[in-house]
């Protein structure tokens, strides 16, 4: 959905029909008046960011735990090498 004055809406409509990303295909573009509420772009972006952060945080915590284990193992190996000298 897009909300703008008539000139900008028409420009968006024309661009959507004529300039798609590589490998994209637009089968149909519809235009109609809409009387409901449209979520502001900043609010949509904030929701998407929250969703991605909720997915990323567990992965980052897992990576942090593995890094800690690696560093501990590296420290043990260094101490073992020092003991062999």
C-alpha atoms as a PDB file:
ATOM      1  CA  UNK A   1       0.000   0.000   0.000  1.00  0.00           C
ATOM      2  CA  UNK A   2       1.146   3.493  -0.705  1.00  0.00           C
ATOM      3  CA  UNK A   3      -0.266   6.762   0.502  1.00  0.00           C
ATOM      4  CA  UNK A   4       0.569  10.041  -1.207  1.00  0.00           C
ATOM      5  CA  UNK A   5      -0.854  12.811  -3.300  1.00  0.00           C
ATOM      6  CA  UNK A   6      -2.146  11.932  -6.779  1.00  0.00           C
ATOM      7  CA  UNK A   7       1.087  12.896  -8.583  1.00  0.00           C
ATOM      8  CA  UNK A   8       3.302  10.730  -6.362  1.00  0.00           C
ATOM      9  CA  UNK A   9       0.850   7.848  -6.419  1.00  0.00           C
ATOM     10  CA  UNK A  10       0.797   7.930 -10.225  1.00  0.00           C
ATOM     11  CA  UNK A  11       4.604   8.041 -10.353  1.00  0.00           C
ATOM     12  CA  UNK A  12       4.829   5.041  -8.017  1.00  0.00           C
ATOM     13  CA  UNK A  13       2.260   3.189 -10.120  1.00  0.00           C
ATOM     14  CA  UNK A  14       4.239   3.858 -13.315  1.00  0.00           C
ATOM     15  CA  UNK A  15       7.549   2.819 -11.756  1.00  0.00           C
ATOM     16  CA  UNK A  16       6.052  -0.397 -10.375  1.00  0.00           C
ATOM     17  CA  UNK A  17       4.864  -1.311 -13.859  1.00  0.00           C
ATOM     18  CA  UNK A  18       8.015  -0.362 -15.780  1.00  0.00           C
ATOM     19  CA  UNK A  19      11.079  -0.702 -13.518  1.00  0.00           C
ATOM     20  CA  UNK A  20      11.294  -3.950 -11.614  1.00  0.00           C
ATOM     21  CA  UNK A  21      14.392  -5.500 -10.043  1.00  0.00           C
ATOM     22  CA  UNK A  22      16.279  -8.060 -12.136  1.00  0.00           C
ATOM     23  CA  UNK A  23      14.302 -11.334 -12.350  1.00  0.00           C
ATOM     24  CA  UNK A  24      11.179  -9.722 -10.856  1.00  0.00           C
ATOM     25  CA  UNK A  25       7.886  -9.907 -12.652  1.00  0.00           C
ATOM     26  CA  UNK A  26       4.850  -7.735 -11.954  1.00  0.00           C
ATOM     27  CA  UNK A  27       1.690  -9.422 -13.174  1.00  0.00           C
ATOM     28  CA  UNK A  28      -0.725  -6.775 -12.050  1.00  0.00           C
ATOM     29  CA  UNK A  29      -0.806  -3.410 -10.305  1.00  0.00           C
ATOM     30  CA  UNK A  30      -4.111  -2.297  -8.882  1.00  0.00           C
ATOM     31  CA  UNK A  31      -5.049   1.168  -7.824  1.00  0.00           C
ATOM     32  CA  UNK A  32      -8.035   2.028  -5.695  1.00  0.00           C
ATOM     33  CA  UNK A  33      -9.031   4.441  -2.996  1.00  0.00           C
ATOM     34  CA  UNK A  34      -8.516   3.136   0.516  1.00  0.00           C
ATOM     35  CA  UNK A  35     -10.172   4.656   3.561  1.00  0.00           C
ATOM     36  CA  UNK A  36      -8.490   2.594   6.280  1.00  0.00           C
ATOM     37  CA  UNK A  37      -5.346   3.367   8.236  1.00  0.00           C
ATOM     38  CA  UNK A  38      -1.902   2.726   6.774  1.00  0.00           C
ATOM     39  CA  UNK A  39       0.941   2.061   9.180  1.00  0.00           C
ATOM     40  CA  UNK A  40       3.719   4.665   8.844  1.00  0.00           C
ATOM     41  CA  UNK A  41       6.941   3.394   7.282  1.00  0.00           C
ATOM     42  CA  UNK A  42       8.952   4.087  10.443  1.00  0.00           C
ATOM     43  CA  UNK A  43       6.587   1.901  12.459  1.00  0.00           C
ATOM     44  CA  UNK A  44       6.776  -0.934   9.921  1.00  0.00           C
ATOM     45  CA  UNK A  45      10.585  -0.695   9.934  1.00  0.00           C
ATOM     46  CA  UNK A  46      10.658  -0.787  13.752  1.00  0.00           C
ATOM     47  CA  UNK A  47       8.496  -3.912  13.801  1.00  0.00           C
ATOM     48  CA  UNK A  48      10.741  -5.632  11.246  1.00  0.00           C
ATOM     49  CA  UNK A  49      13.854  -4.671  13.197  1.00  0.00           C
ATOM     50  CA  UNK A  50      12.358  -6.114  16.394  1.00  0.00           C
ATOM     51  CA  UNK A  51      11.490  -9.344  14.617  1.00  0.00           C
ATOM     52  CA  UNK A  52      15.002  -9.739  13.239  1.00  0.00           C
ATOM     53  CA  UNK A  53      16.585  -8.913  16.604  1.00  0.00           C
ATOM     54  CA  UNK A  54      14.444 -11.568  18.293  1.00  0.00           C
ATOM     55  CA  UNK A  55      15.761 -14.085  15.758  1.00  0.00           C
ATOM     56  CA  UNK A  56      19.380 -12.907  15.994  1.00  0.00           C
ATOM     57  CA  UNK A  57      19.829 -12.640  19.764  1.00  0.00           C
ATOM     58  CA  UNK A  58      19.694 -16.408  20.488  1.00  0.00           C
ATOM     59  CA  UNK A  59      22.185 -17.033  17.662  1.00  0.00           C
ATOM     60  CA  UNK A  60      24.539 -14.353  18.976  1.00  0.00           C
ATOM     61  CA  UNK A  61      24.341 -15.725  22.508  1.00  0.00           C
ATOM     62  CA  UNK A  62      25.124 -19.209  21.209  1.00  0.00           C
ATOM     63  CA  UNK A  63      28.093 -17.854  19.245  1.00  0.00           C
ATOM     64  CA  UNK A  64      29.331 -16.036  22.343  1.00  0.00           C
ATOM     65  CA  UNK A  65      29.169 -19.258  24.359  1.00  0.00           C
ATOM     66  CA  UNK A  66      31.109 -21.149  21.706  1.00  0.00           C
ATOM     67  CA  UNK A  67      33.736 -18.409  21.505  1.00  0.00           C
ATOM     68  CA  UNK A  68      34.173 -18.586  25.275  1.00  0.00           C
ATOM     69  CA  UNK A  69      34.647 -22.356  25.074  1.00  0.00           C
ATOM     70  CA  UNK A  70      37.170 -21.946  22.240  1.00  0.00           C
ATOM     71  CA  UNK A  71      39.179 -19.397  24.200  1.00  0.00           C
ATOM     72  CA  UNK A  72      39.206 -21.638  27.270  1.00  0.00           C
ATOM     73  CA  UNK A  73      40.384 -24.583  25.164  1.00  0.00           C
ATOM     74  CA  UNK A  74      43.036 -22.384  23.548  1.00  0.00           C
ATOM     75  CA  UNK A  75      44.246 -21.316  27.001  1.00  0.00           C
ATOM     76  CA  UNK A  76      44.458 -24.946  28.113  1.00  0.00           C
ATOM     77  CA  UNK A  77      46.433 -25.863  25.002  1.00  0.00           C
ATOM     78  CA  UNK A  78      48.875 -22.994  25.526  1.00  0.00           C
ATOM     79  CA  UNK A  79      49.414 -24.072  29.134  1.00  0.00           C
ATOM     80  CA  UNK A  80      50.015 -27.677  27.997  1.00  0.00           C
ATOM     81  CA  UNK A  81      52.602 -26.496  25.437  1.00  0.00           C
ATOM     82  CA  UNK A  82      54.351 -24.388  28.090  1.00  0.00           C
ATOM     83  CA  UNK A  83      54.457 -27.472  30.363  1.00  0.00           C
ATOM     84  CA  UNK A  84      56.226 -29.479  27.655  1.00  0.00           C
ATOM     85  CA  UNK A  85      59.129 -27.033  27.442  1.00  0.00           C
END
